[in-house]
PDB file of all heavy atoms in Angstrom:
ATOM      1  N   SER A   1      18.329   8.285  21.791  1.00  0.00           N
ATOM      2  CA  SER A   1      19.295   8.975  22.643  1.00  0.00           C
ATOM      3  C   SER A   1      19.184  10.490  22.528  1.00  0.00           C
ATOM      4  O   SER A   1      19.465  11.208  23.489  1.00  0.00           O
ATOM      5  CB  SER A   1      20.718   8.523  22.284  1.00  0.00           C
ATOM      6  OG  SER A   1      21.037   8.878  20.952  1.00  0.00           O
ATOM      7  N   ALA A   2      18.770  10.981  21.363  1.00  0.00           N
ATOM      8  CA  ALA A   2      18.708  12.430  21.151  1.00  0.00           C
ATOM      9  C   ALA A   2      17.336  13.019  21.460  1.00  0.00           C
ATOM     10  O   ALA A   2      17.212  14.245  21.592  1.00  0.00           O
ATOM     11  CB  ALA A   2      19.085  12.760  19.703  1.00  0.00           C
ATOM     12  N   TRP A   3      16.305  12.180  21.565  1.00  0.00           N
ATOM     13  CA  TRP A   3      14.940  12.686  21.681  1.00  0.00           C
ATOM     14  C   TRP A   3      14.726  13.637  22.863  1.00  0.00           C
ATOM     15  O   TRP A   3      14.010  14.645  22.714  1.00  0.00           O
ATOM     16  CB  TRP A   3      13.944  11.530  21.741  1.00  0.00           C
ATOM     17  CG  TRP A   3      12.518  12.003  21.634  1.00  0.00           C
ATOM     18  CD1 TRP A   3      11.563  12.000  22.600  1.00  0.00           C
ATOM     19  CD2 TRP A   3      11.905  12.582  20.479  1.00  0.00           C
ATOM     20  NE1 TRP A   3      10.387  12.526  22.133  1.00  0.00           N
ATOM     21  CE2 TRP A   3      10.569  12.895  20.822  1.00  0.00           C
ATOM     22  CE3 TRP A   3      12.347  12.863  19.186  1.00  0.00           C
ATOM     23  CZ2 TRP A   3       9.681  13.474  19.924  1.00  0.00           C
ATOM     24  CZ3 TRP A   3      11.461  13.439  18.284  1.00  0.00           C
ATOM     25  CH2 TRP A   3      10.151  13.741  18.657  1.00  0.00           C
ATOM     26  N   PRO A   4      15.285  13.387  24.042  1.00  0.00           N
ATOM     27  CA  PRO A   4      15.096  14.351  25.141  1.00  0.00           C
ATOM     28  C   PRO A   4      15.546  15.769  24.780  1.00  0.00           C
ATOM     29  O   PRO A   4      15.041  16.743  25.349  1.00  0.00           O
ATOM     30  CB  PRO A   4      15.963  13.770  26.269  1.00  0.00           C
ATOM     31  CG  PRO A   4      15.987  12.306  25.992  1.00  0.00           C
ATOM     32  CD  PRO A   4      16.034  12.195  24.496  1.00  0.00           C
ATOM     33  N   ASN A   5      16.489  15.887  23.840  1.00  0.00           N
ATOM     34  CA  ASN A   5      16.947  17.208  23.397  1.00  0.00           C
ATOM     35  C   ASN A   5      16.179  17.705  22.176  1.00  0.00           C
ATOM     36  O   ASN A   5      16.296  18.875  21.811  1.00  0.00           O
ATOM     37  CB  ASN A   5      18.437  17.154  23.041  1.00  0.00           C
ATOM     38  CG  ASN A   5      19.308  16.785  24.221  1.00  0.00           C
ATOM     39  OD1 ASN A   5      19.525  15.614  24.502  1.00  0.00           O
ATOM     40  ND2 ASN A   5      19.798  17.795  24.931  1.00  0.00           N
ATOM     41  N   MET A   6      15.405  16.823  21.541  1.00  0.00           N
ATOM     42  CA  MET A   6      14.751  17.166  20.279  1.00  0.00           C
ATOM     43  C   MET A   6      13.311  17.631  20.438  1.00  0.00           C
ATOM     44  O   MET A   6      12.865  18.548  19.734  1.00  0.00           O
ATOM     45  CB  MET A   6      14.768  15.948  19.334  1.00  0.00           C
ATOM     46  CG  MET A   6      16.136  15.532  18.855  1.00  0.00           C
ATOM     47  SD  MET A   6      16.113  13.980  17.905  1.00  0.00           S
ATOM     48  CE  MET A   6      15.122  14.440  16.483  1.00  0.00           C
ATOM     49  N   TYR A   7      12.563  16.993  21.347  1.00  0.00           N
ATOM     50  CA  TYR A   7      11.104  17.125  21.277  1.00  0.00           C
ATOM     51  C   TYR A   7      10.598  18.544  21.534  1.00  0.00           C
ATOM     52  O   TYR A   7       9.611  18.979  20.928  1.00  0.00           O
ATOM     53  CB  TYR A   7      10.426  16.115  22.211  1.00  0.00           C
ATOM     54  CG  TYR A   7      10.501  16.409  23.697  1.00  0.00           C
ATOM     55  CD1 TYR A   7       9.510  17.133  24.350  1.00  0.00           C
ATOM     56  CD2 TYR A   7      11.562  15.917  24.460  1.00  0.00           C
ATOM     57  CE1 TYR A   7       9.560  17.378  25.698  1.00  0.00           C
ATOM     58  CE2 TYR A   7      11.625  16.158  25.822  1.00  0.00           C
ATOM     59  CZ  TYR A   7      10.622  16.884  26.434  1.00  0.00           C
ATOM     60  OH  TYR A   7      10.683  17.124  27.790  1.00  0.00           O
ATOM     61  N   ARG A   8      11.270  19.303  22.384  1.00  0.00           N
ATOM     62  CA  ARG A   8      10.797  20.665  22.657  1.00  0.00           C
ATOM     63  C   ARG A   8      10.961  21.568  21.438  1.00  0.00           C
ATOM     64  O   ARG A   8      10.057  22.343  21.103  1.00  0.00           O
ATOM     65  CB  ARG A   8      11.547  21.259  23.853  1.00  0.00           C
ATOM     66  CG  ARG A   8      11.204  20.601  25.182  1.00  0.00           C
ATOM     67  CD  ARG A   8      11.838  21.343  26.345  1.00  0.00           C
ATOM     68  NE  ARG A   8      11.558  20.693  27.625  1.00  0.00           N
ATOM     69  CZ  ARG A   8      12.306  19.745  28.159  1.00  0.00           C
ATOM     70  NH1 ARG A   8      13.409  19.338  27.532  1.00  0.00           N
ATOM     71  NH2 ARG A   8      11.970  19.199  29.314  1.00  0.00           N
ATOM     72  N   SER A   9      12.097  21.455  20.746  1.00  0.00           N
ATOM     73  CA  SER A   9      12.330  22.298  19.574  1.00  0.00           C
ATOM     74  C   SER A   9      11.428  21.915  18.400  1.00  0.00           C
ATOM     75  O   SER A   9      11.258  22.693  17.463  1.00  0.00           O
ATOM     76  CB  SER A   9      13.799  22.207  19.139  1.00  0.00           C
ATOM     77  OG  SER A   9      14.130  20.884  18.739  1.00  0.00           O
ATOM     78  N   LEU A  10      10.839  20.720  18.450  1.00  0.00           N
ATOM     79  CA  LEU A  10       9.945  20.249  17.381  1.00  0.00           C
ATOM     80  C   LEU A  10       8.470  20.399  17.769  1.00  0.00           C
ATOM     81  O   LEU A  10       7.593  19.908  17.044  1.00  0.00           O
ATOM     82  CB  LEU A  10      10.246  18.773  17.068  1.00  0.00           C
ATOM     83  CG  LEU A  10      11.621  18.481  16.481  1.00  0.00           C
ATOM     84  CD1 LEU A  10      11.910  16.986  16.506  1.00  0.00           C
ATOM     85  CD2 LEU A  10      11.716  19.010  15.060  1.00  0.00           C
ATOM     86  N   ASN A  11       8.210  21.046  18.908  1.00  0.00           N
ATOM     87  CA  ASN A  11       6.842  21.218  19.401  1.00  0.00           C
ATOM     88  C   ASN A  11       6.139  19.876  19.589  1.00  0.00           C
ATOM     89  O   ASN A  11       4.971  19.703  19.228  1.00  0.00           O
ATOM     90  CB  ASN A  11       6.025  22.106  18.446  1.00  0.00           C
ATOM     91  CG  ASN A  11       6.602  23.502  18.322  1.00  0.00           C
ATOM     92  OD1 ASN A  11       6.969  24.124  19.321  1.00  0.00           O
ATOM     93  ND2 ASN A  11       6.706  23.998  17.096  1.00  0.00           N
ATOM     94  N   SER A  12       6.872  18.921  20.141  1.00  0.00           N
ATOM     95  CA  SER A  12       6.321  17.594  20.379  1.00  0.00           C
ATOM     96  C   SER A  12       6.336  17.306  21.874  1.00  0.00           C
ATOM     97  O   SER A  12       6.489  18.214  22.692  1.00  0.00           O
ATOM     98  CB  SER A  12       7.140  16.544  19.608  1.00  0.00           C
ATOM     99  OG  SER A  12       6.594  15.262  19.766  1.00  0.00           O
ATOM    100  N   THR A  13       6.157  16.038  22.226  1.00  0.00           N
ATOM    101  CA  THR A  13       6.163  15.613  23.629  1.00  0.00           C
ATOM    102  C   THR A  13       7.235  14.545  23.824  1.00  0.00           C
ATOM    103  O   THR A  13       7.792  14.016  22.857  1.00  0.00           O
ATOM    104  CB  THR A  13       4.795  15.044  24.040  1.00  0.00           C
ATOM    105  OG1 THR A  13       4.535  13.850  23.267  1.00  0.00           O
ATOM    106  CG2 THR A  13       3.690  16.068  23.778  1.00  0.00           C
ATOM    107  N   ILE A  14       7.476  14.190  25.056  1.00  0.00           N
ATOM    108  CA  ILE A  14       8.493  13.191  25.359  1.00  0.00           C
ATOM    109  C   ILE A  14       8.109  11.823  24.791  1.00  0.00           C
ATOM    110  O   ILE A  14       8.969  10.998  24.479  1.00  0.00           O
ATOM    111  CB  ILE A  14       8.731  13.100  26.887  1.00  0.00           C
ATOM    112  CG1 ILE A  14       9.972  12.252  27.218  1.00  0.00           C
ATOM    113  CG2 ILE A  14       7.496  12.560  27.581  1.00  0.00           C
ATOM    114  CD1 ILE A  14      11.259  12.826  26.720  1.00  0.00           C
ATOM    115  N   THR A  15       6.799  11.590  24.617  1.00  0.00           N
ATOM    116  CA  THR A  15       6.346  10.307  24.056  1.00  0.00           C
ATOM    117  C   THR A  15       6.225  10.337  22.535  1.00  0.00           C
ATOM    118  O   THR A  15       5.868   9.328  21.925  1.00  0.00           O
ATOM    119  CB  THR A  15       4.979   9.919  24.659  1.00  0.00           C
ATOM    120  OG1 THR A  15       4.021  10.954  24.363  1.00  0.00           O
ATOM    121  CG2 THR A  15       5.074   9.731  26.169  1.00  0.00           C
ATOM    122  N   GLY A  16       6.527  11.479  21.931  1.00  0.00           N
ATOM    123  CA  GLY A  16       6.368  11.627  20.483  1.00  0.00           C
ATOM    124  C   GLY A  16       7.269  10.727  19.665  1.00  0.00           C
ATOM    125  O   GLY A  16       6.964  10.421  18.503  1.00  0.00           O
ATOM    126  N   ALA A  17       8.366  10.275  20.251  1.00  0.00           N
ATOM    127  CA  ALA A  17       9.281   9.396  19.521  1.00  0.00           C
ATOM    128  C   ALA A  17       8.609   8.080  19.145  1.00  0.00           C
ATOM    129  O   ALA A  17       8.987   7.445  18.148  1.00  0.00           O
ATOM    130  CB  ALA A  17      10.530   9.119  20.360  1.00  0.00           C
ATOM    131  N   GLY A  18       7.597   7.680  19.920  1.00  0.00           N
ATOM    132  CA  GLY A  18       6.908   6.421  19.645  1.00  0.00           C
ATOM    133  C   GLY A  18       6.280   6.389  18.268  1.00  0.00           C
ATOM    134  O   GLY A  18       6.340   5.373  17.560  1.00  0.00           O
ATOM    135  N   SER A  19       5.680   7.510  17.854  1.00  0.00           N
ATOM    136  CA  SER A  19       5.051   7.571  16.526  1.00  0.00           C
ATOM    137  C   SER A  19       6.097   7.526  15.418  1.00  0.00           C
ATOM    138  O   SER A  19       5.865   6.927  14.360  1.00  0.00           O
ATOM    139  CB  SER A  19       4.209   8.847  16.396  1.00  0.00           C
ATOM    140  OG  SER A  19       3.153   8.843  17.332  1.00  0.00           O
ATOM    141  N   ILE A  20       7.249   8.153  15.664  1.00  0.00           N
ATOM    142  CA  ILE A  20       8.337   8.110  14.674  1.00  0.00           C
ATOM    143  C   ILE A  20       8.824   6.672  14.507  1.00  0.00           C
ATOM    144  O   ILE A  20       8.993   6.187  13.376  1.00  0.00           O
ATOM    145  CB  ILE A  20       9.517   9.011  15.108  1.00  0.00           C
ATOM    146  CG1 ILE A  20       9.048  10.442  15.357  1.00  0.00           C
ATOM    147  CG2 ILE A  20      10.622   8.978  14.058  1.00  0.00           C
ATOM    148  CD1 ILE A  20       8.517  11.150  14.147  1.00  0.00           C
ATOM    149  N   PHE A  21       9.030   5.987  15.617  1.00  0.00           N
ATOM    150  CA  PHE A  21       9.459   4.584  15.563  1.00  0.00           C
ATOM    151  C   PHE A  21       8.424   3.725  14.838  1.00  0.00           C
ATOM    152  O   PHE A  21       8.779   2.817  14.085  1.00  0.00           O
ATOM    153  CB  PHE A  21       9.689   4.034  16.976  1.00  0.00           C
ATOM    154  CG  PHE A  21      10.960   4.498  17.615  1.00  0.00           C
ATOM    155  CD1 PHE A  21      10.948   5.165  18.826  1.00  0.00           C
ATOM    156  CD2 PHE A  21      12.187   4.263  17.009  1.00  0.00           C
ATOM    157  CE1 PHE A  21      12.124   5.587  19.424  1.00  0.00           C
ATOM    158  CE2 PHE A  21      13.375   4.681  17.595  1.00  0.00           C
ATOM    159  CZ  PHE A  21      13.347   5.349  18.804  1.00  0.00           C
ATOM    160  N   LEU A  22       7.141   4.018  15.068  1.00  0.00           N
ATOM    161  CA  LEU A  22       6.083   3.235  14.424  1.00  0.00           C
ATOM    162  C   LEU A  22       6.095   3.440  12.914  1.00  0.00           C
ATOM    163  O   LEU A  22       5.967   2.478  12.141  1.00  0.00           O
ATOM    164  CB  LEU A  22       4.719   3.623  15.003  1.00  0.00           C
ATOM    165  CG  LEU A  22       3.524   2.840  14.456  1.00  0.00           C
ATOM    166  CD1 LEU A  22       3.673   1.357  14.743  1.00  0.00           C
ATOM    167  CD2 LEU A  22       2.224   3.383  15.058  1.00  0.00           C
ATOM    168  N   ILE A  23       6.262   4.687  12.458  1.00  0.00           N
ATOM    169  CA  ILE A  23       6.334   4.973  11.022  1.00  0.00           C
ATOM    170  C   ILE A  23       7.518   4.253  10.397  1.00  0.00           C
ATOM    171  O   ILE A  23       7.405   3.628   9.338  1.00  0.00           O
ATOM    172  CB  ILE A  23       6.435   6.494  10.776  1.00  0.00           C
ATOM    173  CG1 ILE A  23       5.135   7.189  11.186  1.00  0.00           C
ATOM    174  CG2 ILE A  23       6.743   6.789   9.300  1.00  0.00           C
ATOM    175  CD1 ILE A  23       5.235   8.700  11.220  1.00  0.00           C
ATOM    176  N   ILE A  24       8.669   4.337  11.058  1.00  0.00           N
ATOM    177  CA  ILE A  24       9.872   3.657  10.561  1.00  0.00           C
ATOM    178  C   ILE A  24       9.625   2.153  10.475  1.00  0.00           C
ATOM    179  O   ILE A  24       9.966   1.506   9.477  1.00  0.00           O
ATOM    180  CB  ILE A  24      11.082   3.960  11.464  1.00  0.00           C
ATOM    181  CG1 ILE A  24      11.486   5.434  11.332  1.00  0.00           C
ATOM    182  CG2 ILE A  24      12.270   3.067  11.105  1.00  0.00           C
ATOM    183  CD1 ILE A  24      12.543   5.877  12.330  1.00  0.00           C
ATOM    184  N   SER A  25       8.999   1.583  11.508  1.00  0.00           N
ATOM    185  CA  SER A  25       8.759   0.141  11.541  1.00  0.00           C
ATOM    186  C   SER A  25       7.814  -0.298  10.434  1.00  0.00           C
ATOM    187  O   SER A  25       8.058  -1.307   9.761  1.00  0.00           O
ATOM    188  CB  SER A  25       8.185  -0.265  12.908  1.00  0.00           C
ATOM    189  OG  SER A  25       9.102  -0.012  13.941  1.00  0.00           O
ATOM    190  N   VAL A  26       6.716   0.450  10.227  1.00  0.00           N
ATOM    191  CA  VAL A  26       5.750   0.096   9.182  1.00  0.00           C
ATOM    192  C   VAL A  26       6.410   0.156   7.804  1.00  0.00           C
ATOM    193  O   VAL A  26       6.237  -0.751   6.972  1.00  0.00           O
ATOM    194  CB  VAL A  26       4.519   1.035   9.232  1.00  0.00           C
ATOM    195  CG1 VAL A  26       3.639   0.849   8.000  1.00  0.00           C
ATOM    196  CG2 VAL A  26       3.706   0.768  10.493  1.00  0.00           C
ATOM    197  N   CYS A  27       7.192   1.212   7.546  1.00  0.00           N
ATOM    198  CA  CYS A  27       7.882   1.343   6.258  1.00  0.00           C
ATOM    199  C   CYS A  27       8.931   0.245   6.074  1.00  0.00           C
ATOM    200  O   CYS A  27       9.140  -0.259   4.964  1.00  0.00           O
ATOM    201  CB  CYS A  27       8.528   2.723   6.139  1.00  0.00           C
ATOM    202  SG  CYS A  27       7.348   4.071   5.989  1.00  0.00           S
ATOM    203  N   THR A  28       9.579  -0.131   7.169  1.00  0.00           N
ATOM    204  CA  THR A  28      10.568  -1.207   7.121  1.00  0.00           C
ATOM    205  C   THR A  28       9.902  -2.540   6.784  1.00  0.00           C
ATOM    206  O   THR A  28      10.433  -3.333   5.995  1.00  0.00           O
ATOM    207  CB  THR A  28      11.309  -1.313   8.460  1.00  0.00           C
ATOM    208  OG1 THR A  28      11.926  -0.061   8.751  1.00  0.00           O
ATOM    209  CG2 THR A  28      12.390  -2.366   8.409  1.00  0.00           C
ATOM    210  N   ILE A  29       8.730  -2.790   7.370  1.00  0.00           N
ATOM    211  CA  ILE A  29       7.979  -4.014   7.075  1.00  0.00           C
ATOM    212  C   ILE A  29       7.585  -4.057   5.603  1.00  0.00           C
ATOM    213  O   ILE A  29       7.762  -5.072   4.920  1.00  0.00           O
ATOM    214  CB  ILE A  29       6.736  -4.106   7.981  1.00  0.00           C
ATOM    215  CG1 ILE A  29       7.159  -4.329   9.441  1.00  0.00           C
ATOM    216  CG2 ILE A  29       5.802  -5.233   7.519  1.00  0.00           C
ATOM    217  CD1 ILE A  29       6.034  -4.124  10.440  1.00  0.00           C
ATOM    218  N   ILE A  30       7.056  -2.939   5.092  1.00  0.00           N
ATOM    219  CA  ILE A  30       6.670  -2.863   3.675  1.00  0.00           C
ATOM    220  C   ILE A  30       7.865  -3.118   2.776  1.00  0.00           C
ATOM    221  O   ILE A  30       7.797  -3.888   1.804  1.00  0.00           O
ATOM    222  CB  ILE A  30       6.045  -1.486   3.365  1.00  0.00           C
ATOM    223  CG1 ILE A  30       4.713  -1.325   4.105  1.00  0.00           C
ATOM    224  CG2 ILE A  30       5.844  -1.301   1.859  1.00  0.00           C
ATOM    225  CD1 ILE A  30       4.148   0.083   4.063  1.00  0.00           C
ATOM    226  N   SER A  31       8.992  -2.496   3.098  1.00  0.00           N
ATOM    227  CA  SER A  31      10.208  -2.654   2.302  1.00  0.00           C
ATOM    228  C   SER A  31      10.720  -4.083   2.334  1.00  0.00           C
ATOM    229  O   SER A  31      11.120  -4.643   1.308  1.00  0.00           O
ATOM    230  CB  SER A  31      11.281  -1.692   2.827  1.00  0.00           C
ATOM    231  OG  SER A  31      12.457  -1.793   2.071  1.00  0.00           O
ATOM    232  N   SER A  32      10.695  -4.707   3.501  1.00  0.00           N
ATOM    233  CA  SER A  32      11.165  -6.085   3.636  1.00  0.00           C
ATOM    234  C   SER A  32      10.322  -7.052   2.813  1.00  0.00           C
ATOM    235  O   SER A  32      10.846  -7.972   2.178  1.00  0.00           O
ATOM    236  CB  SER A  32      11.138  -6.512   5.108  1.00  0.00           C
ATOM    237  OG  SER A  32      12.014  -5.737   5.876  1.00  0.00           O
ATOM    238  N   LEU A  33       9.012  -6.851   2.839  1.00  0.00           N
ATOM    239  CA  LEU A  33       8.106  -7.744   2.112  1.00  0.00           C
ATOM    240  C   LEU A  33       8.273  -7.632   0.598  1.00  0.00           C
ATOM    241  O   LEU A  33       7.942  -8.573  -0.136  1.00  0.00           O
ATOM    242  CB  LEU A  33       6.652  -7.461   2.500  1.00  0.00           C
ATOM    243  CG  LEU A  33       6.253  -7.868   3.925  1.00  0.00           C
ATOM    244  CD1 LEU A  33       4.843  -7.401   4.242  1.00  0.00           C
ATOM    245  CD2 LEU A  33       6.367  -9.378   4.110  1.00  0.00           C
ATOM    246  N   ASN A  34       8.770  -6.495   0.141  1.00  0.00           N
ATOM    247  CA  ASN A  34       8.954  -6.292  -1.301  1.00  0.00           C
ATOM    248  C   ASN A  34      10.417  -6.387  -1.734  1.00  0.00           C
ATOM    249  O   ASN A  34      10.728  -6.171  -2.905  1.00  0.00           O
ATOM    250  CB  ASN A  34       8.389  -4.927  -1.712  1.00  0.00           C
ATOM    251  CG  ASN A  34       6.875  -4.897  -1.643  1.00  0.00           C
ATOM    252  OD1 ASN A  34       6.189  -5.366  -2.531  1.00  0.00           O
ATOM    253  ND2 ASN A  34       6.349  -4.348  -0.556  1.00  0.00           N
ATOM    254  N   ALA A  35      11.297  -6.719  -0.784  1.00  0.00           N
ATOM    255  CA  ALA A  35      12.724  -6.724  -1.077  1.00  0.00           C
ATOM    256  C   ALA A  35      13.095  -7.718  -2.165  1.00  0.00           C
ATOM    257  O   ALA A  35      13.949  -7.442  -3.017  1.00  0.00           O
ATOM    258  CB  ALA A  35      13.519  -7.013   0.202  1.00  0.00           C
ATOM    259  N   ASP A  36      12.455  -8.905  -2.161  1.00  0.00           N
ATOM    260  CA  ASP A  36      12.833  -9.922  -3.149  1.00  0.00           C
ATOM    261  C   ASP A  36      12.563  -9.455  -4.569  1.00  0.00           C
ATOM    262  O   ASP A  36      13.369  -9.693  -5.481  1.00  0.00           O
ATOM    263  CB  ASP A  36      12.125 -11.242  -2.859  1.00  0.00           C
ATOM    264  CG  ASP A  36      10.612 -11.112  -2.817  1.00  0.00           C
ATOM    265  OD1 ASP A  36      10.118  -9.981  -2.654  1.00  0.00           O
ATOM    266  OD2 ASP A  36       9.922 -12.143  -2.938  1.00  0.00           O
ATOM    267  N   LYS A  37      11.435  -8.766  -4.774  1.00  0.00           N
ATOM    268  CA  LYS A  37      11.114  -8.250  -6.115  1.00  0.00           C
ATOM    269  C   LYS A  37      12.114  -7.186  -6.540  1.00  0.00           C
ATOM    270  O   LYS A  37      12.576  -7.168  -7.692  1.00  0.00           O
ATOM    271  CB  LYS A  37       9.695  -7.679  -6.130  1.00  0.00           C
ATOM    272  CG  LYS A  37       8.601  -8.654  -5.737  1.00  0.00           C
ATOM    273  CD  LYS A  37       7.242  -7.993  -5.796  1.00  0.00           C
ATOM    274  CE  LYS A  37       6.141  -8.914  -5.281  1.00  0.00           C
ATOM    275  NZ  LYS A  37       6.228  -9.136  -3.830  1.00  0.00           N
ATOM    276  N   ILE A  38      12.442  -6.292  -5.623  1.00  0.00           N
ATOM    277  CA  ILE A  38      13.367  -5.194  -5.935  1.00  0.00           C
ATOM    278  C   ILE A  38      14.762  -5.735  -6.221  1.00  0.00           C
ATOM    279  O   ILE A  38      15.417  -5.334  -7.196  1.00  0.00           O
ATOM    280  CB  ILE A  38      13.411  -4.188  -4.762  1.00  0.00           C
ATOM    281  CG1 ILE A  38      12.025  -3.599  -4.508  1.00  0.00           C
ATOM    282  CG2 ILE A  38      14.404  -3.062  -5.052  1.00  0.00           C
ATOM    283  CD1 ILE A  38      11.918  -2.813  -3.215  1.00  0.00           C
ATOM    284  N   ILE A  39      15.225  -6.671  -5.385  1.00  0.00           N
ATOM    285  CA  ILE A  39      16.564  -7.243  -5.563  1.00  0.00           C
ATOM    286  C   ILE A  39      16.636  -8.063  -6.842  1.00  0.00           C
ATOM    287  O   ILE A  39      17.641  -8.039  -7.559  1.00  0.00           O
ATOM    288  CB  ILE A  39      16.943  -8.092  -4.336  1.00  0.00           C
ATOM    289  CG1 ILE A  39      17.105  -7.192  -3.110  1.00  0.00           C
ATOM    290  CG2 ILE A  39      18.236  -8.872  -4.574  1.00  0.00           C
ATOM    291  CD1 ILE A  39      17.105  -7.931  -1.794  1.00  0.00           C
ATOM    292  N   HIS A  40      15.568  -8.792  -7.147  1.00  0.00           N
ATOM    293  CA  HIS A  40      15.521  -9.594  -8.375  1.00  0.00           C
ATOM    294  C   HIS A  40      15.688  -8.704  -9.605  1.00  0.00           C
ATOM    295  O   HIS A  40      16.319  -9.098 -10.593  1.00  0.00           O
ATOM    296  CB  HIS A  40      14.185 -10.338  -8.448  1.00  0.00           C
ATOM    297  CG  HIS A  40      14.105 -11.316  -9.576  1.00  0.00           C
ATOM    298  ND1 HIS A  40      14.656 -12.572  -9.517  1.00  0.00           N
ATOM    299  CD2 HIS A  40      13.551 -11.203 -10.811  1.00  0.00           C
ATOM    300  CE1 HIS A  40      14.440 -13.202 -10.658  1.00  0.00           C
ATOM    301  NE2 HIS A  40      13.762 -12.399 -11.456  1.00  0.00           N
ATOM    302  N   LYS A  41      15.156  -7.489  -9.523  1.00  0.00           N
ATOM    303  CA  LYS A  41      15.210  -6.582 -10.674  1.00  0.00           C
ATOM    304  C   LYS A  41      16.509  -5.794 -10.734  1.00  0.00           C
ATOM    305  O   LYS A  41      17.073  -5.574 -11.803  1.00  0.00           O
ATOM    306  CB  LYS A  41      14.017  -5.623 -10.628  1.00  0.00           C
ATOM    307  CG  LYS A  41      13.906  -4.714 -11.842  1.00  0.00           C
ATOM    308  CD  LYS A  41      12.614  -3.913 -11.816  1.00  0.00           C
ATOM    309  CE  LYS A  41      12.471  -3.041 -13.071  1.00  0.00           C
ATOM    310  NZ  LYS A  41      11.196  -2.282 -13.063  1.00  0.00           N
ATOM    311  N   PHE A  42      17.020  -5.360  -9.565  1.00  0.00           N
ATOM    312  CA  PHE A  42      18.141  -4.421  -9.564  1.00  0.00           C
ATOM    313  C   PHE A  42      19.455  -4.988  -9.015  1.00  0.00           C
ATOM    314  O   PHE A  42      20.482  -4.321  -9.129  1.00  0.00           O
ATOM    315  CB  PHE A  42      17.777  -3.173  -8.766  1.00  0.00           C
ATOM    316  CG  PHE A  42      16.649  -2.383  -9.371  1.00  0.00           C
ATOM    317  CD1 PHE A  42      15.398  -2.394  -8.784  1.00  0.00           C
ATOM    318  CD2 PHE A  42      16.840  -1.647 -10.522  1.00  0.00           C
ATOM    319  CE1 PHE A  42      14.345  -1.667  -9.323  1.00  0.00           C
ATOM    320  CE2 PHE A  42      15.797  -0.911 -11.070  1.00  0.00           C
ATOM    321  CZ  PHE A  42      14.545  -0.932 -10.471  1.00  0.00           C
TER     322      PHE A  42
END
């Protein structure tokens, strides 16, 4: 919702949000796959 107001001030493009979403998704996948080990310990 905020990206149309963000991308110019960040020197990015209107499609730049896609890479941010991809990074978040990859990190979320990694975290989910390791969640059982982390929860078991903490």
